Amino acid sequence: MDLPAEVYARVFEIGVWKWGIGFLAPLRLTCRQWNDIVLSTPRLYGIINVGRGYIRKQLDLAKSAPISLTVPSSSSIAESTENILLSTARNWIYADIPVRFLITIGSGNALGGLQSLHLHSWFLDSKGKEIPSDVFDNFWETAPKNLQYFSAMNAQCRSLRPLLTSSIIDLELHRPTGRDSDSLAQYHHYNYWGRALRPRLPLDLMCDVVRRLPRLQRLVLAHAELTRVLESSAPARILLERLEELDLTDIGGIAHLLSRLQVPALRTLNANQTSSDSSNVTWKVVFMQWSQEGWIPLELHTLEMAACLEAADMPYFEAWIERLPELLRLYWDAEDIDIIPMLKDGKLASSLRELNTVGYEDFDDVLEMARNRKGTLRVLSIPYCGECNEAGKAEMLSLVDEVKCACLTCQMTGMSTV
């Protein structure tokens, strides 16, 4: 097959990302054309993963090509090698690096071409000292125009805020731990046995972080407890006109945040609480707010709710679902609340094409729901083992294209599909 050289180069680039620079050696031995493509594409050598190649040689072959740098948190780097990598900062377009790299660079002016920044090893520098929360206060002298993707592992909002610019469209924050004494350490909480629970994240700080990113299209937060520890100065409304995907995993106080977010363009919402919510803002407040004109996410097509709602929230949830004309996929994980009776008559969420629920459901109710939806449901995943006979299974398969059992036994044995 005779393909343009640029197509081959792009395929080779994907291979280097996945398997490291060693992926190129056998390619060069395949044929003269591939060898020429590799040698004439410096950006292939600009994909540097510390610990998976010869860094100095790669930089020589990369010449002045854009550099995508990955420094795993487990990597041990010689000071001379680290200095060489830092000297190429002006060519970085992607950087997955320890925070100390950014501190050493000192100024964002050296990162004008950076498009994607991912920070880890947030709290301690290479000498074991704590990083001050104000270390990045004057990092950007001029706001970067190219930075669009930002993620941080174990970051804290106080030290994080100065790095966030209005150009960012994708933000991920994972596992803030609150070890910085000037930031969130005072908000850590423990159970009866002294074991640390999810770190507490002041709602005011989180709202301020989100407010700085008006172009945000995707937001991912994981493993924290949103609280009102600080004085409540958070705005009542934060408009994110472009946000399409919102993923909140193991977040306590989700309703606290969502009640303030106006996200009319939202298409995917994953709300996974996984433990009790100690906040005084309930989900019914969210559904009432999001049912108002200008607040309804009319383009929402995928909704995942896990361990979030209580029985008292369900009437408000039902009223809100009724206002979602494009809802295609619903993932429901609430063992104490049966979602099927709400959907059984086929009138609510009539656009639904895929339903996944892990709680116990009455198979006869599920079958009646499938009948009432008259073949519009394409995928159905429920725990039905032992709940139906062969005739029931046969009828279900005639009504739904794909039926899966969501019970633990079937999932573990790979026998989930009927």
Protein backbone atom coordinates (compact mmCIF):
# COMPACT_ATOMS: atom_id res chain seq x y z
CA MET A 1 0.00 0.00 0.00
CA ASP A 2 1.47 3.32 -1.12
CA LEU A 3 0.64 5.93 1.53
CA PRO A 4 1.95 9.49 1.89
CA ALA A 5 5.08 9.78 4.02
CA GLU A 6 3.21 11.99 6.50
CA VAL A 7 0.73 9.18 7.21
CA TYR A 8 3.56 6.76 7.98
CA ALA A 9 5.22 9.40 10.17
CA ARG A 10 2.03 9.83 12.17
CA VAL A 11 1.70 6.06 12.67
CA PHE A 12 5.34 5.88 13.78
CA GLU A 13 4.68 8.74 16.19
CA ILE A 14 1.86 6.81 17.85
CA GLY A 15 4.19 3.82 18.19
CA VAL A 16 6.87 5.89 19.91
CA TRP A 17 4.30 7.24 22.36
CA LYS A 18 3.20 3.72 23.21
CA TRP A 19 6.46 1.74 23.18
CA GLY A 20 9.23 4.30 23.47
CA ILE A 21 12.01 5.36 21.15
CA GLY A 22 13.16 1.75 20.70
CA PHE A 23 10.13 1.29 18.46
CA LEU A 24 11.97 3.08 15.64
CA ALA A 25 14.98 0.76 15.31
CA PRO A 26 13.20 -2.20 13.67
CA LEU A 27 11.23 0.19 11.46
CA ARG A 28 14.43 1.54 9.97
CA LEU A 29 15.49 -1.99 9.03
CA THR A 30 12.20 -2.77 7.26
CA CYS A 31 12.83 -0.86 4.04
CA ARG A 32 14.62 2.17 2.67
CA GLN A 33 11.42 4.23 2.51
CA TRP A 34 10.66 3.74 6.20
CA ASN A 35 14.27 4.43 7.14
CA ASP A 36 14.17 7.70 5.20
CA ILE A 37 10.87 8.69 6.82
CA VAL A 38 12.23 8.11 10.32
CA LEU A 39 15.45 10.04 9.65
CA SER A 40 13.59 12.95 8.03
CA THR A 41 11.05 13.31 10.85
CA PRO A 42 12.86 14.89 13.84
CA ARG A 43 9.67 15.14 15.87
CA LEU A 44 9.77 11.36 16.35
CA TYR A 45 12.90 11.81 18.43
CA GLY A 46 11.31 14.72 20.25
CA ILE A 47 9.02 12.28 22.09
CA ILE A 48 11.15 11.77 25.20
CA ASN A 49 10.21 9.44 28.01
CA VAL A 50 12.87 9.48 30.72
CA GLY A 51 13.91 5.92 31.45
CA ARG A 52 12.96 4.62 27.99
CA GLY A 53 15.74 5.92 25.76
CA TYR A 54 19.05 7.75 25.37
CA ILE A 55 18.10 11.32 26.10
CA ARG A 56 21.14 13.16 24.77
CA LYS A 57 21.16 11.23 21.51
CA GLN A 58 17.44 11.79 21.11
CA LEU A 59 17.82 15.53 21.57
CA ASP A 60 20.57 15.61 18.94
CA LEU A 61 18.34 13.80 16.45
CA ALA A 62 15.30 15.90 17.38
CA LYS A 63 17.20 19.05 16.40
CA SER A 64 14.78 21.97 16.83
CA ALA A 65 11.60 19.88 16.60
CA PRO A 66 8.83 20.25 19.19
CA ILE A 67 9.45 18.17 22.31
CA SER A 68 6.98 16.04 24.23
CA LEU A 69 8.58 15.27 27.59
CA THR A 70 7.47 12.63 30.09
CA VAL A 71 9.30 12.28 33.41
CA PRO A 72 7.64 9.51 35.48
CA SER A 73 7.41 10.14 39.21
CA SER A 74 9.47 7.01 39.82
CA SER A 75 12.35 8.16 37.58
CA SER A 76 15.73 9.06 39.03
CA ILE A 77 17.49 11.67 36.89
CA ALA A 78 21.07 12.84 37.08
CA GLU A 79 21.38 16.58 37.65
CA SER A 80 23.28 17.05 34.38
CA THR A 81 20.53 15.25 32.42
CA GLU A 82 17.86 17.28 34.17
CA ASN A 83 19.64 20.50 33.23
CA ILE A 84 19.82 19.41 29.59
CA LEU A 85 16.08 18.72 29.53
CA LEU A 86 15.31 22.05 31.16
CA SER A 87 17.41 23.85 28.56
CA THR A 88 14.97 22.65 25.87
CA ALA A 89 11.91 24.12 27.61
CA ARG A 90 11.23 26.59 24.79
CA ASN A 91 10.56 23.64 22.48
CA TRP A 92 8.15 21.83 24.82
CA ILE A 93 4.63 21.31 23.52
CA TYR A 94 3.78 18.53 26.01
CA ALA A 95 5.21 18.15 29.50
CA ASP A 96 4.39 15.50 32.11
CA ILE A 97 6.88 16.53 34.77
CA PRO A 98 7.56 16.92 38.50
CA VAL A 99 6.66 20.33 39.90
CA ARG A 100 10.32 21.04 40.70
CA PHE A 101 11.00 21.30 36.93
CA LEU A 102 8.56 24.19 36.72
CA ILE A 103 10.10 25.86 39.78
CA THR A 104 13.58 25.61 38.26
CA ILE A 105 12.38 27.15 34.99
CA GLY A 106 11.06 30.02 37.10
CA SER A 107 9.11 31.87 34.44
CA GLY A 108 6.36 30.89 32.06
CA ASN A 109 7.94 33.04 29.36
CA ALA A 110 10.18 30.07 28.54
CA LEU A 111 7.11 27.91 27.82
CA GLY A 112 5.40 29.91 25.10
CA GLY A 113 4.79 26.86 22.90
CA LEU A 114 3.47 24.59 25.65
CA GLN A 115 0.07 23.09 24.83
CA SER A 116 -0.33 20.37 27.46
CA LEU A 117 1.00 20.49 31.05
CA HIS A 118 0.72 17.64 33.55
CA LEU A 119 2.24 18.03 37.00
CA HIS A 120 3.03 15.44 39.65
CA SER A 121 5.26 15.05 42.71
CA TRP A 122 3.63 18.28 43.83
CA PHE A 123 4.69 18.67 47.42
CA LEU A 124 8.39 17.90 47.73
CA ASP A 125 11.29 19.14 45.67
CA SER A 126 14.33 16.97 44.88
CA LYS A 127 15.92 17.86 48.25
CA GLY A 128 12.92 16.86 50.31
CA LYS A 129 11.74 20.40 51.13
CA GLU A 130 8.13 21.44 51.05
CA ILE A 131 7.10 23.64 48.15
CA PRO A 132 5.62 26.97 49.34
CA SER A 133 2.05 27.64 48.29
CA ASP A 134 2.99 31.00 46.71
CA VAL A 135 5.81 29.63 44.56
CA PHE A 136 3.94 30.27 41.28
CA ASP A 137 2.35 33.61 42.14
CA ASN A 138 4.22 35.47 39.38
CA PHE A 139 4.97 32.54 37.06
CA TRP A 140 3.11 33.86 34.02
CA GLU A 141 4.21 37.37 33.18
CA THR A 142 2.18 37.11 29.99
CA ALA A 143 -0.75 34.71 29.85
CA PRO A 144 0.10 31.80 27.50
CA LYS A 145 -2.03 31.47 24.39
CA ASN A 146 -1.29 27.83 23.56
CA LEU A 147 -1.78 26.07 26.90
CA GLN A 148 -5.02 24.09 26.61
CA TYR A 149 -4.62 20.91 28.67
CA PHE A 150 -3.72 20.95 32.36
CA SER A 151 -3.70 18.19 34.95
CA ALA A 152 -2.22 17.89 38.42
CA MET A 153 -1.72 14.95 40.72
CA ASN A 154 -1.86 15.79 44.44
CA ALA A 155 -2.22 19.49 43.71
CA GLN A 156 -3.65 22.11 46.05
CA CYS A 157 -5.84 24.94 44.93
CA ARG A 158 -3.88 27.73 46.62
CA SER A 159 -0.62 26.95 44.82
CA LEU A 160 -2.42 25.82 41.68
CA ARG A 161 -4.44 28.93 40.92
CA PRO A 162 -1.64 31.13 39.52
CA LEU A 163 -0.85 28.48 36.87
CA LEU A 164 -4.38 28.41 35.48
CA THR A 165 -5.01 30.64 32.48
CA SER A 166 -8.12 31.41 30.46
CA SER A 167 -6.75 29.45 27.46
CA ILE A 168 -7.23 26.08 29.25
CA ILE A 169 -10.05 23.92 27.88
CA ASP A 170 -9.29 20.67 29.75
CA LEU A 171 -8.60 20.41 33.50
CA GLU A 172 -7.97 17.30 35.62
CA LEU A 173 -7.26 17.36 39.36
CA HIS A 174 -6.59 14.08 41.14
CA ARG A 175 -6.14 13.24 44.80
CA PRO A 176 -5.28 16.50 46.56
CA THR A 177 -3.64 15.49 49.82
CA GLY A 178 -3.29 18.77 51.69
CA ARG A 179 0.26 18.32 53.01
CA ASP A 180 1.27 21.93 52.50
CA SER A 181 1.01 23.63 55.91
CA ASP A 182 -0.06 26.93 54.32
CA SER A 183 -2.81 25.34 52.32
CA LEU A 184 -5.10 22.42 53.06
CA ALA A 185 -3.36 20.40 55.78
CA GLN A 186 -5.63 21.93 58.41
CA TYR A 187 -8.62 20.53 56.50
CA HIS A 188 -7.50 16.89 56.55
CA HIS A 189 -9.94 14.70 58.47
CA TYR A 190 -9.64 11.29 60.06
CA ASN A 191 -11.87 8.45 61.16
CA TYR A 192 -12.17 6.94 64.63
CA TRP A 193 -8.99 4.90 64.18
CA GLY A 194 -6.92 7.87 63.00
CA ARG A 195 -6.89 6.79 59.36
CA ALA A 196 -6.85 9.69 56.89
CA LEU A 197 -10.02 9.99 54.84
CA ARG A 198 -10.54 11.96 51.65
CA PRO A 199 -8.77 15.32 51.98
CA ARG A 200 -11.04 18.28 52.43
CA LEU A 201 -11.09 20.83 49.65
CA PRO A 202 -12.63 24.23 50.49
CA LEU A 203 -15.48 24.95 48.11
CA ASP A 204 -14.48 28.60 47.84
CA LEU A 205 -11.08 27.66 46.44
CA MET A 206 -12.52 25.14 44.00
CA CYS A 207 -15.06 27.65 42.74
CA ASP A 208 -12.30 30.19 42.22
CA VAL A 209 -10.28 27.66 40.21
CA VAL A 210 -13.21 26.92 37.91
CA ARG A 211 -14.15 30.58 37.60
CA ARG A 212 -10.73 31.32 36.06
CA LEU A 213 -11.40 28.98 33.12
CA PRO A 214 -14.29 30.37 31.06
CA ARG A 215 -13.33 28.29 27.98
CA LEU A 216 -13.33 24.99 29.86
CA GLN A 217 -14.76 22.08 27.85
CA ARG A 218 -13.81 19.17 30.13
CA LEU A 219 -13.44 19.04 33.93
CA VAL A 220 -12.33 15.99 35.95
CA LEU A 221 -12.10 16.00 39.76
CA ALA A 222 -11.30 12.93 41.86
CA HIS A 223 -10.96 11.92 45.51
CA ALA A 224 -11.75 14.89 47.72
CA GLU A 225 -14.37 16.32 50.06
CA LEU A 226 -15.75 19.71 49.07
CA THR A 227 -16.49 21.68 52.21
CA ARG A 228 -17.34 25.16 53.44
CA VAL A 229 -14.37 25.40 55.76
CA LEU A 230 -13.54 28.93 54.63
CA GLU A 231 -15.91 31.87 54.70
CA SER A 232 -18.58 31.46 52.06
CA SER A 233 -17.44 33.96 49.44
CA ALA A 234 -17.99 31.64 46.49
CA PRO A 235 -20.18 33.11 43.73
CA ALA A 236 -23.76 31.86 43.51
CA ARG A 237 -23.34 31.18 39.79
CA ILE A 238 -20.35 30.19 37.65
CA LEU A 239 -21.20 30.18 33.95
CA LEU A 240 -19.21 27.69 31.85
CA GLU A 241 -20.81 28.06 28.44
CA ARG A 242 -18.51 25.57 26.69
CA LEU A 243 -18.26 22.78 29.26
CA GLU A 244 -19.27 19.48 27.62
CA GLU A 245 -17.87 16.82 29.96
CA LEU A 246 -17.96 16.82 33.77
CA ASP A 247 -16.47 13.85 35.65
CA LEU A 248 -16.66 13.89 39.46
CA THR A 249 -15.30 10.67 41.00
CA ASP A 250 -15.28 9.99 44.74
CA ILE A 251 -16.15 13.60 45.50
CA GLY A 252 -18.02 14.43 48.69
CA GLY A 253 -20.19 17.53 48.51
CA ILE A 254 -20.79 17.21 44.76
CA ALA A 255 -24.10 19.02 45.09
CA HIS A 256 -22.25 21.95 46.70
CA LEU A 257 -20.33 22.54 43.48
CA LEU A 258 -22.99 21.61 40.94
CA SER A 259 -25.56 23.95 42.46
CA ARG A 260 -23.25 26.81 41.42
CA LEU A 261 -22.31 25.61 37.94
CA GLN A 262 -24.37 26.76 34.98
CA VAL A 263 -23.38 24.41 32.15
CA PRO A 264 -25.96 24.65 29.35
CA ALA A 265 -23.74 22.85 26.80
CA LEU A 266 -23.03 19.82 29.04
CA ARG A 267 -23.16 16.49 27.19
CA THR A 268 -21.68 14.01 29.69
CA LEU A 269 -22.05 13.99 33.47
CA ASN A 270 -20.46 11.38 35.74
CA ALA A 271 -21.30 11.92 39.41
CA ASN A 272 -19.70 9.19 41.51
CA GLN A 273 -19.83 9.93 45.20
CA THR A 274 -19.03 6.45 46.63
CA SER A 275 -19.60 7.58 50.25
CA SER A 276 -22.00 9.63 52.32
CA ASP A 277 -22.18 13.36 51.72
CA SER A 278 -21.75 15.51 54.81
CA SER A 279 -22.75 18.75 53.10
CA ASN A 280 -26.00 20.54 53.77
CA VAL A 281 -26.74 21.03 50.06
CA THR A 282 -28.84 18.18 48.68
CA TRP A 283 -29.26 17.02 45.11
CA LYS A 284 -32.80 18.35 44.96
CA VAL A 285 -31.25 21.84 45.04
CA VAL A 286 -29.16 20.93 41.98
CA PHE A 287 -32.13 19.54 40.05
CA MET A 288 -34.28 22.56 40.90
CA GLN A 289 -31.52 24.91 39.80
CA TRP A 290 -30.74 22.94 36.64
CA SER A 291 -34.41 22.93 35.68
CA GLN A 292 -34.52 26.69 35.27
CA GLU A 293 -34.41 28.33 31.89
CA GLY A 294 -30.83 28.81 30.75
CA TRP A 295 -29.57 26.16 33.20
CA ILE A 296 -30.99 23.00 31.60
CA PRO A 297 -28.26 21.00 29.77
CA LEU A 298 -30.42 20.33 26.73
CA GLU A 299 -27.62 18.44 24.92
CA LEU A 300 -26.88 16.01 27.78
CA HIS A 301 -26.70 12.53 26.27
CA THR A 302 -24.78 10.49 28.89
CA LEU A 303 -25.59 10.49 32.61
CA GLU A 304 -23.89 8.34 35.26
CA MET A 305 -25.11 8.52 38.86
CA ALA A 306 -23.41 6.43 41.54
CA ALA A 307 -24.23 6.52 45.26
CA CYS A 308 -25.46 10.10 45.02
CA LEU A 309 -29.19 10.31 45.49
CA GLU A 310 -31.58 9.57 48.33
CA ALA A 311 -35.25 8.69 48.06
CA ALA A 312 -36.24 12.30 48.82
CA ASP A 313 -34.28 13.47 45.76
CA MET A 314 -36.05 11.21 43.28
CA PRO A 315 -39.13 13.38 42.49
CA TYR A 316 -36.80 16.25 41.61
CA PHE A 317 -34.55 13.92 39.59
CA GLU A 318 -37.58 12.67 37.64
CA ALA A 319 -38.74 16.21 36.90
CA TRP A 320 -35.26 17.12 35.68
CA ILE A 321 -34.85 14.00 33.52
CA GLU A 322 -38.12 14.92 31.83
CA ARG A 323 -36.46 18.10 30.55
CA LEU A 324 -33.54 16.27 28.83
CA PRO A 325 -34.58 15.63 25.21
CA GLU A 326 -31.25 14.09 24.10
CA LEU A 327 -30.56 11.62 26.93
CA LEU A 328 -29.24 8.41 25.32
CA ARG A 329 -27.27 6.62 28.07
CA LEU A 330 -28.09 6.24 31.75
CA TYR A 331 -25.78 4.45 34.21
CA TRP A 332 -27.42 3.94 37.59
CA ASP A 333 -25.68 2.63 40.71
CA ALA A 334 -27.91 2.93 43.76
CA GLU A 335 -28.82 -0.37 45.38
CA ASP A 336 -31.45 1.21 47.65
CA ILE A 337 -33.29 3.03 44.88
CA ASP A 338 -34.94 1.20 41.97
CA ILE A 339 -34.85 3.32 38.80
CA ILE A 340 -37.03 0.98 36.70
CA PRO A 341 -40.49 2.02 38.04
CA MET A 342 -39.72 5.57 36.98
CA LEU A 343 -38.89 4.45 33.44
CA LYS A 344 -41.37 1.60 33.11
CA ASP A 345 -44.14 3.32 31.17
CA GLY A 346 -41.66 4.39 28.47
CA LYS A 347 -42.73 8.04 28.55
CA LEU A 348 -39.93 9.40 30.72
CA ALA A 349 -36.58 9.71 28.88
CA SER A 350 -38.14 8.37 25.70
CA SER A 351 -34.87 9.05 23.84
CA LEU A 352 -33.01 6.50 26.03
CA ARG A 353 -31.02 3.92 24.07
CA GLU A 354 -28.76 2.40 26.73
CA LEU A 355 -29.55 1.63 30.38
CA ASN A 356 -27.06 0.19 32.88
CA THR A 357 -28.01 -0.48 36.49
CA VAL A 358 -26.20 -2.58 39.09
CA GLY A 359 -28.92 -2.56 41.75
CA TYR A 360 -31.53 -5.28 42.15
CA GLU A 361 -34.36 -4.85 39.70
CA ASP A 362 -37.57 -6.87 39.28
CA PHE A 363 -37.22 -8.60 35.91
CA ASP A 364 -40.95 -8.40 35.16
CA ASP A 365 -40.77 -4.60 35.57
CA VAL A 366 -37.73 -4.47 33.30
CA LEU A 367 -39.51 -6.58 30.68
CA GLU A 368 -42.56 -4.32 30.82
CA MET A 369 -40.30 -1.29 30.37
CA ALA A 370 -38.75 -2.88 27.28
CA ARG A 371 -42.20 -3.62 25.87
CA ASN A 372 -43.40 -0.06 26.42
CA ARG A 373 -40.33 1.35 24.71
CA LYS A 374 -41.18 -0.69 21.61
CA GLY A 375 -37.70 -1.65 20.51
CA THR A 376 -36.05 1.76 20.98
CA LEU A 377 -33.78 0.46 23.80
CA ARG A 378 -30.54 -0.88 22.24
CA VAL A 379 -28.41 -1.91 25.23
CA LEU A 380 -29.62 -3.11 28.62
CA SER A 381 -27.40 -4.16 31.53
CA ILE A 382 -29.12 -5.39 34.72
CA PRO A 383 -28.50 -8.11 37.34
CA TYR A 384 -31.10 -10.66 36.31
CA CYS A 385 -29.55 -14.10 37.09
CA GLY A 386 -32.17 -16.34 38.65
CA GLU A 387 -34.87 -13.72 38.12
CA CYS A 388 -36.23 -14.84 34.74
CA ASN A 389 -37.07 -17.96 32.75
CA GLU A 390 -36.04 -18.83 29.21
CA ALA A 391 -39.25 -17.41 27.77
CA GLY A 392 -38.57 -14.11 29.49
CA LYS A 393 -35.01 -14.01 28.17
CA ALA A 394 -36.20 -14.77 24.65
CA GLU A 395 -38.77 -11.99 24.72
CA MET A 396 -36.22 -9.54 26.13
CA LEU A 397 -33.81 -10.35 23.31
CA SER A 398 -36.56 -9.70 20.78
CA LEU A 399 -37.06 -6.23 22.26
CA VAL A 400 -33.46 -5.18 23.04
CA ASP A 401 -30.45 -5.61 20.74
CA GLU A 402 -27.94 -6.39 23.50
CA VAL A 403 -28.77 -7.65 27.00
CA LYS A 404 -26.11 -8.08 29.70
CA CYS A 405 -26.25 -9.39 33.24
CA ALA A 406 -24.62 -6.97 35.66
CA CYS A 407 -24.35 -9.35 38.61
CA LEU A 408 -20.90 -9.84 40.11
CA THR A 409 -20.70 -13.54 39.18
CA CYS A 410 -21.37 -12.94 35.50
CA GLN A 411 -19.00 -9.99 35.37
CA MET A 412 -16.16 -12.04 36.91
CA THR A 413 -16.74 -15.12 34.74
CA GLY A 414 -17.17 -13.18 31.51
CA MET A 415 -20.68 -14.58 30.99
CA SER A 416 -22.50 -11.24 31.18
CA THR A 417 -23.92 -11.20 27.64
CA VAL A 418 -27.08 -13.23 27.02
